[in-house]
Amino acid sequence: MTEESKVHPYIEWAKNRLDEMDATLSTFENKAGELGDDVSGKAKAVLSDMEAQRDSFKDYLDKNMQSAESVWEEQSEKLKKDWKAFEEDVETYVKTTKDNAEQYEAAFKARADVQMKAWQSALSDAFKAAAKFPNERKADLEDAVRQMKSDAEDAEARLEAMKKAGQESWSALDSALSDSRKAFDKATEDMQKAFKRALK
């Protein structure tokens, strides 16, 4: 794996989505016993589908982790479709459980925590990688790292505010998660571009 691939946006994207899948499933499974009999069977069926999607996503990621960047560009389309299908099942689960606020707020908090850890990890990796470059090549990298740090702080503040607000609709919580994901994806992509420029 080359130096710049340590912040490879496709791999970061896939690993973070997998972590969100795990957090979501763990939260829903822990709360499944609290559901009434009228929804329990339907919810368990959706959870089973979500587990199968997560397992398939993980297997694909494990098999292709060492692939070249050009291959990842092609493979990312499959993973994006798989992620979308998982998210559709999350929506189905929320609707099946009759918009149980406690269920989806717990899932939001778990997913927000995963996203904040992803931001912190990516930022730490970027700082470490940038430090290895000679001084004449660091300026662009340091700008990109500062921007990523700023974006991370903004995303964390928004997610924390939503966690504290309580009683938000699932769509509002989901929208906050989606905004944070988009910002993270852009930040890792921008960081990757900065590393590629520094390597020239």
C-alpha atoms as a PDB file:
ATOM      1  CA  MET A   1       0.000   0.000   0.000  1.00  0.00           C
ATOM      2  CA  THR A   2       1.454   3.362  -0.929  1.00  0.00           C
ATOM      3  CA  GLU A   3       1.863   6.221   1.525  1.00  0.00           C
ATOM      4  CA  GLU A   4      -1.005   8.234   0.083  1.00  0.00           C
ATOM      5  CA  SER A   5      -3.440   5.317   0.230  1.00  0.00           C
ATOM      6  CA  LYS A   6      -3.409   5.558   4.023  1.00  0.00           C
ATOM      7  CA  VAL A   7      -6.045   8.246   3.576  1.00  0.00           C
ATOM      8  CA  HIS A   8      -7.601   6.592   0.531  1.00  0.00           C
ATOM      9  CA  PRO A   9     -11.116   8.047   0.323  1.00  0.00           C
ATOM     10  CA  TYR A  10     -12.759   4.888  -1.037  1.00  0.00           C
ATOM     11  CA  ILE A  11     -11.370   2.689   1.712  1.00  0.00           C
ATOM     12  CA  GLU A  12     -12.218   5.258   4.377  1.00  0.00           C
ATOM     13  CA  TRP A  13     -15.725   5.518   2.959  1.00  0.00           C
ATOM     14  CA  ALA A  14     -16.245   1.755   3.047  1.00  0.00           C
ATOM     15  CA  LYS A  15     -14.729   1.210   6.503  1.00  0.00           C
ATOM     16  CA  ASN A  16     -16.824   3.978   8.011  1.00  0.00           C
ATOM     17  CA  ARG A  17     -20.036   2.695   6.449  1.00  0.00           C
ATOM     18  CA  LEU A  18     -19.274  -0.774   7.804  1.00  0.00           C
ATOM     19  CA  ASP A  19     -18.725   0.677  11.285  1.00  0.00           C
ATOM     20  CA  GLU A  20     -22.079   2.455  11.024  1.00  0.00           C
ATOM     21  CA  MET A  21     -23.755  -0.773   9.957  1.00  0.00           C
ATOM     22  CA  ASP A  22     -22.296  -2.551  12.992  1.00  0.00           C
ATOM     23  CA  ALA A  23     -23.364   0.230  15.369  1.00  0.00           C
ATOM     24  CA  THR A  24     -26.873   0.310  13.926  1.00  0.00           C
ATOM     25  CA  LEU A  25     -27.359  -3.434  14.143  1.00  0.00           C
ATOM     26  CA  SER A  26     -25.955  -3.612  17.653  1.00  0.00           C
ATOM     27  CA  THR A  27     -28.311  -0.885  18.842  1.00  0.00           C
ATOM     28  CA  PHE A  28     -31.397  -2.326  17.179  1.00  0.00           C
ATOM     29  CA  GLU A  29     -30.604  -5.868  18.355  1.00  0.00           C
ATOM     30  CA  ASN A  30     -30.142  -4.684  21.950  1.00  0.00           C
ATOM     31  CA  LYS A  31     -33.527  -2.955  21.842  1.00  0.00           C
ATOM     32  CA  ALA A  32     -35.419  -5.641  19.891  1.00  0.00           C
ATOM     33  CA  GLY A  33     -36.598  -7.348  23.068  1.00  0.00           C
ATOM     34  CA  GLU A  34     -38.455  -4.184  24.062  1.00  0.00           C
ATOM     35  CA  LEU A  35     -40.724  -4.293  21.017  1.00  0.00           C
ATOM     36  CA  GLY A  36     -44.296  -5.403  21.276  1.00  0.00           C
ATOM     37  CA  ASP A  37     -45.423  -8.711  19.801  1.00  0.00           C
ATOM     38  CA  ASP A  38     -47.307  -6.900  17.043  1.00  0.00           C
ATOM     39  CA  VAL A  39     -44.085  -5.589  15.478  1.00  0.00           C
ATOM     40  CA  SER A  40     -41.416  -7.935  16.825  1.00  0.00           C
ATOM     41  CA  GLY A  41     -41.658 -10.496  13.992  1.00  0.00           C
ATOM     42  CA  LYS A  42     -41.506  -7.882  11.241  1.00  0.00           C
ATOM     43  CA  ALA A  43     -38.646  -6.051  12.948  1.00  0.00           C
ATOM     44  CA  LYS A  44     -36.637  -9.259  13.345  1.00  0.00           C
ATOM     45  CA  ALA A  45     -37.090 -10.044   9.642  1.00  0.00           C
ATOM     46  CA  VAL A  46     -35.754  -6.608   8.699  1.00  0.00           C
ATOM     47  CA  LEU A  47     -32.865  -7.031  11.154  1.00  0.00           C
ATOM     48  CA  SER A  48     -32.031 -10.341   9.512  1.00  0.00           C
ATOM     49  CA  ASP A  49     -31.899  -8.634   6.106  1.00  0.00           C
ATOM     50  CA  MET A  50     -29.706  -5.884   7.550  1.00  0.00           C
ATOM     51  CA  GLU A  51     -27.310  -8.465   9.023  1.00  0.00           C
ATOM     52  CA  ALA A  52     -27.037 -10.247   5.671  1.00  0.00           C
ATOM     53  CA  GLN A  53     -26.319  -6.951   3.918  1.00  0.00           C
ATOM     54  CA  ARG A  54     -23.696  -6.012   6.498  1.00  0.00           C
ATOM     55  CA  ASP A  55     -22.022  -9.439   6.200  1.00  0.00           C
ATOM     56  CA  SER A  56     -21.953  -9.196   2.410  1.00  0.00           C
ATOM     57  CA  PHE A  57     -20.537  -5.653   2.580  1.00  0.00           C
ATOM     58  CA  LYS A  58     -17.847  -6.771   5.042  1.00  0.00           C
ATOM     59  CA  ASP A  59     -16.871  -9.817   2.963  1.00  0.00           C
ATOM     60  CA  TYR A  60     -16.542  -7.700  -0.162  1.00  0.00           C
ATOM     61  CA  LEU A  61     -14.505  -5.090   1.662  1.00  0.00           C
ATOM     62  CA  ASP A  62     -12.195  -7.709   3.217  1.00  0.00           C
ATOM     63  CA  LYS A  63     -11.555  -9.345  -0.162  1.00  0.00           C
ATOM     64  CA  ASN A  64     -10.798  -6.066  -1.928  1.00  0.00           C
ATOM     65  CA  MET A  65      -9.011  -4.021   0.741  1.00  0.00           C
ATOM     66  CA  GLN A  66      -5.627  -4.289  -0.990  1.00  0.00           C
ATOM     67  CA  SER A  67      -6.934  -3.413  -4.451  1.00  0.00           C
ATOM     68  CA  ALA A  68      -5.419  -0.597  -6.461  1.00  0.00           C
ATOM     69  CA  GLU A  69      -7.127   2.790  -6.471  1.00  0.00           C
ATOM     70  CA  SER A  70      -8.304   2.346 -10.072  1.00  0.00           C
ATOM     71  CA  VAL A  71     -10.068  -0.883  -9.086  1.00  0.00           C
ATOM     72  CA  TRP A  72     -11.625   0.799  -6.051  1.00  0.00           C
ATOM     73  CA  GLU A  73     -13.235   3.414  -8.261  1.00  0.00           C
ATOM     74  CA  GLU A  74     -15.131   0.617 -10.021  1.00  0.00           C
ATOM     75  CA  GLN A  75     -15.858  -1.341  -6.850  1.00  0.00           C
ATOM     76  CA  SER A  76     -17.168   1.671  -4.991  1.00  0.00           C
ATOM     77  CA  GLU A  77     -20.346   1.646  -7.097  1.00  0.00           C
ATOM     78  CA  LYS A  78     -21.279  -1.809  -5.803  1.00  0.00           C
ATOM     79  CA  LEU A  79     -20.590  -0.791  -2.215  1.00  0.00           C
ATOM     80  CA  LYS A  80     -22.614   2.406  -2.619  1.00  0.00           C
ATOM     81  CA  LYS A  81     -25.592   0.355  -3.825  1.00  0.00           C
ATOM     82  CA  ASP A  82     -25.165  -2.026  -0.893  1.00  0.00           C
ATOM     83  CA  TRP A  83     -25.005   0.910   1.535  1.00  0.00           C
ATOM     84  CA  LYS A  84     -28.165   2.404   0.028  1.00  0.00           C
ATOM     85  CA  ALA A  85     -29.979  -0.925   0.425  1.00  0.00           C
ATOM     86  CA  PHE A  86     -28.876  -1.097   4.073  1.00  0.00           C
ATOM     87  CA  GLU A  87     -30.101   2.444   4.687  1.00  0.00           C
ATOM     88  CA  GLU A  88     -33.450   1.585   3.085  1.00  0.00           C
ATOM     89  CA  ASP A  89     -33.749  -1.317   5.531  1.00  0.00           C
ATOM     90  CA  VAL A  90     -32.958   1.045   8.415  1.00  0.00           C
ATOM     91  CA  GLU A  91     -35.874   3.218   7.235  1.00  0.00           C
ATOM     92  CA  THR A  92     -38.098   0.135   7.021  1.00  0.00           C
ATOM     93  CA  TYR A  93     -37.064  -0.920  10.521  1.00  0.00           C
ATOM     94  CA  VAL A  94     -37.832   2.516  11.943  1.00  0.00           C
ATOM     95  CA  LYS A  95     -41.258   2.470  10.274  1.00  0.00           C
ATOM     96  CA  THR A  96     -41.892  -1.124  11.368  1.00  0.00           C
ATOM     97  CA  THR A  97     -41.187  -0.226  14.978  1.00  0.00           C
ATOM     98  CA  LYS A  98     -43.741   2.560  14.634  1.00  0.00           C
ATOM     99  CA  ASP A  99     -41.181   5.326  14.860  1.00  0.00           C
ATOM    100  CA  ASN A 100     -40.163   4.220  18.355  1.00  0.00           C
ATOM    101  CA  ALA A 101     -38.210   7.298  19.450  1.00  0.00           C
ATOM    102  CA  GLU A 102     -36.047   5.450  21.961  1.00  0.00           C
ATOM    103  CA  GLN A 103     -34.955   2.954  19.290  1.00  0.00           C
ATOM    104  CA  TYR A 104     -33.990   5.433  16.653  1.00  0.00           C
ATOM    105  CA  GLU A 105     -32.437   7.940  19.068  1.00  0.00           C
ATOM    106  CA  ALA A 106     -30.174   5.173  20.401  1.00  0.00           C
ATOM    107  CA  ALA A 107     -29.247   4.242  16.830  1.00  0.00           C
ATOM    108  CA  PHE A 108     -28.535   7.883  15.997  1.00  0.00           C
ATOM    109  CA  LYS A 109     -26.246   8.270  19.021  1.00  0.00           C
ATOM    110  CA  ALA A 110     -24.348   5.076  18.171  1.00  0.00           C
ATOM    111  CA  ARG A 111     -23.933   6.142  14.551  1.00  0.00           C
ATOM    112  CA  ALA A 112     -22.929   9.687  15.527  1.00  0.00           C
ATOM    113  CA  ASP A 113     -20.276   8.255  17.859  1.00  0.00           C
ATOM    114  CA  VAL A 114     -18.935   6.099  15.012  1.00  0.00           C
ATOM    115  CA  GLN A 115     -18.780   9.116  12.732  1.00  0.00           C
ATOM    116  CA  MET A 116     -16.967  11.234  15.313  1.00  0.00           C
ATOM    117  CA  LYS A 117     -14.413   8.450  15.824  1.00  0.00           C
ATOM    118  CA  ALA A 118     -13.936   8.249  12.050  1.00  0.00           C
ATOM    119  CA  TRP A 119     -13.266  11.992  11.884  1.00  0.00           C
ATOM    120  CA  GLN A 120     -10.774  11.777  14.759  1.00  0.00           C
ATOM    121  CA  SER A 121      -9.011   8.751  13.274  1.00  0.00           C
ATOM    122  CA  ALA A 122      -8.737  10.287   9.800  1.00  0.00           C
ATOM    123  CA  LEU A 123      -7.431  13.524  11.258  1.00  0.00           C
ATOM    124  CA  SER A 124      -4.843  11.690  13.362  1.00  0.00           C
ATOM    125  CA  ASP A 125      -3.701   9.670  10.320  1.00  0.00           C
ATOM    126  CA  ALA A 126      -3.469  12.838   8.219  1.00  0.00           C
ATOM    127  CA  PHE A 127      -1.320  14.605  10.858  1.00  0.00           C
ATOM    128  CA  LYS A 128       1.019  11.604  11.087  1.00  0.00           C
ATOM    129  CA  ALA A 129       1.326  11.186   7.327  1.00  0.00           C
ATOM    130  CA  ALA A 130       1.890  14.911   6.713  1.00  0.00           C
ATOM    131  CA  ALA A 131       4.688  14.967   9.292  1.00  0.00           C
ATOM    132  CA  LYS A 132       6.694  12.528   7.149  1.00  0.00           C
ATOM    133  CA  PHE A 133       6.952  14.896   4.200  1.00  0.00           C
ATOM    134  CA  PRO A 134       9.887  17.275   3.736  1.00  0.00           C
ATOM    135  CA  ASN A 135       9.231  20.896   4.718  1.00  0.00           C
ATOM    136  CA  GLU A 136       9.056  22.185   1.145  1.00  0.00           C
ATOM    137  CA  ARG A 137       6.120  19.887   0.459  1.00  0.00           C
ATOM    138  CA  LYS A 138       4.215  20.360   3.709  1.00  0.00           C
ATOM    139  CA  ALA A 139       2.400  23.659   3.126  1.00  0.00           C
ATOM    140  CA  ASP A 140      -0.409  22.232   0.986  1.00  0.00           C
ATOM    141  CA  LEU A 141      -0.765  19.236   3.284  1.00  0.00           C
ATOM    142  CA  GLU A 142      -0.916  21.397   6.377  1.00  0.00           C
ATOM    143  CA  ASP A 143      -3.650  23.517   4.775  1.00  0.00           C
ATOM    144  CA  ALA A 144      -5.622  20.360   3.977  1.00  0.00           C
ATOM    145  CA  VAL A 145      -5.144  19.040   7.522  1.00  0.00           C
ATOM    146  CA  ARG A 146      -6.306  22.371   9.000  1.00  0.00           C
ATOM    147  CA  GLN A 147      -9.390  22.290   6.772  1.00  0.00           C
ATOM    148  CA  MET A 148     -10.133  18.709   7.780  1.00  0.00           C
ATOM    149  CA  LYS A 149      -9.774  19.672  11.454  1.00  0.00           C
ATOM    150  CA  SER A 150     -12.196  22.561  10.983  1.00  0.00           C
ATOM    151  CA  ASP A 151     -14.684  20.336   9.147  1.00  0.00           C
ATOM    152  CA  ALA A 152     -14.371  17.699  11.864  1.00  0.00           C
ATOM    153  CA  GLU A 153     -15.086  20.248  14.593  1.00  0.00           C
ATOM    154  CA  ASP A 154     -18.148  21.535  12.708  1.00  0.00           C
ATOM    155  CA  ALA A 155     -19.510  18.015  12.144  1.00  0.00           C
ATOM    156  CA  GLU A 156     -18.917  17.032  15.747  1.00  0.00           C
ATOM    157  CA  ALA A 157     -20.665  20.170  17.031  1.00  0.00           C
ATOM    158  CA  ARG A 158     -23.718  19.519  14.830  1.00  0.00           C
ATOM    159  CA  LEU A 159     -23.940  15.853  15.848  1.00  0.00           C
ATOM    160  CA  GLU A 160     -23.514  16.685  19.529  1.00  0.00           C
ATOM    161  CA  ALA A 161     -26.250  19.312  19.300  1.00  0.00           C
ATOM    162  CA  MET A 162     -28.605  16.756  17.746  1.00  0.00           C
ATOM    163  CA  LYS A 163     -27.718  14.171  20.396  1.00  0.00           C
ATOM    164  CA  LYS A 164     -28.642  16.639  23.137  1.00  0.00           C
ATOM    165  CA  ALA A 165     -31.798  17.940  21.472  1.00  0.00           C
ATOM    166  CA  GLY A 166     -33.808  14.756  22.063  1.00  0.00           C
ATOM    167  CA  GLN A 167     -37.147  13.870  20.526  1.00  0.00           C
ATOM    168  CA  GLU A 168     -36.105  14.752  16.991  1.00  0.00           C
ATOM    169  CA  SER A 169     -37.746  12.920  14.122  1.00  0.00           C
ATOM    170  CA  TRP A 170     -35.803  10.091  12.508  1.00  0.00           C
ATOM    171  CA  SER A 171     -35.635  12.070   9.261  1.00  0.00           C
ATOM    172  CA  ALA A 172     -33.977  15.018  11.056  1.00  0.00           C
ATOM    173  CA  LEU A 173     -31.468  12.744  12.779  1.00  0.00           C
ATOM    174  CA  ASP A 174     -30.783  10.845   9.569  1.00  0.00           C
ATOM    175  CA  SER A 175     -30.255  14.108   7.711  1.00  0.00           C
ATOM    176  CA  ALA A 176     -27.642  15.207  10.279  1.00  0.00           C
ATOM    177  CA  LEU A 177     -25.808  11.901   9.851  1.00  0.00           C
ATOM    178  CA  SER A 178     -25.958  12.230   6.079  1.00  0.00           C
ATOM    179  CA  ASP A 179     -24.540  15.772   6.195  1.00  0.00           C
ATOM    180  CA  SER A 180     -21.667  14.605   8.390  1.00  0.00           C
ATOM    181  CA  ARG A 181     -20.939  11.687   6.030  1.00  0.00           C
ATOM    182  CA  LYS A 182     -20.843  14.000   3.003  1.00  0.00           C
ATOM    183  CA  ALA A 183     -18.475  16.387   4.779  1.00  0.00           C
ATOM    184  CA  PHE A 184     -16.247  13.487   5.840  1.00  0.00           C
ATOM    185  CA  ASP A 185     -16.154  12.031   2.329  1.00  0.00           C
ATOM    186  CA  LYS A 186     -15.202  15.420   0.870  1.00  0.00           C
ATOM    187  CA  ALA A 187     -12.547  15.979   3.544  1.00  0.00           C
ATOM    188  CA  THR A 188     -10.890  12.603   2.933  1.00  0.00           C
ATOM    189  CA  GLU A 189     -11.033  13.130  -0.820  1.00  0.00           C
ATOM    190  CA  ASP A 190      -9.462  16.596  -0.482  1.00  0.00           C
ATOM    191  CA  MET A 191      -6.788  15.157   1.787  1.00  0.00           C
ATOM    192  CA  GLN A 192      -6.018  12.430  -0.743  1.00  0.00           C
ATOM    193  CA  LYS A 193      -5.615  15.056  -3.480  1.00  0.00           C
ATOM    194  CA  ALA A 194      -3.254  17.062  -1.277  1.00  0.00           C
ATOM    195  CA  PHE A 195      -1.112  13.970  -0.663  1.00  0.00           C
ATOM    196  CA  LYS A 196      -0.984  13.236  -4.360  1.00  0.00           C
ATOM    197  CA  ARG A 197       0.151  16.797  -5.087  1.00  0.00           C
ATOM    198  CA  ALA A 198       2.828  16.534  -2.396  1.00  0.00           C
ATOM    199  CA  LEU A 199       4.150  13.292  -3.892  1.00  0.00           C
ATOM    200  CA  LYS A 200       4.763  14.849  -7.337  1.00  0.00           C
END
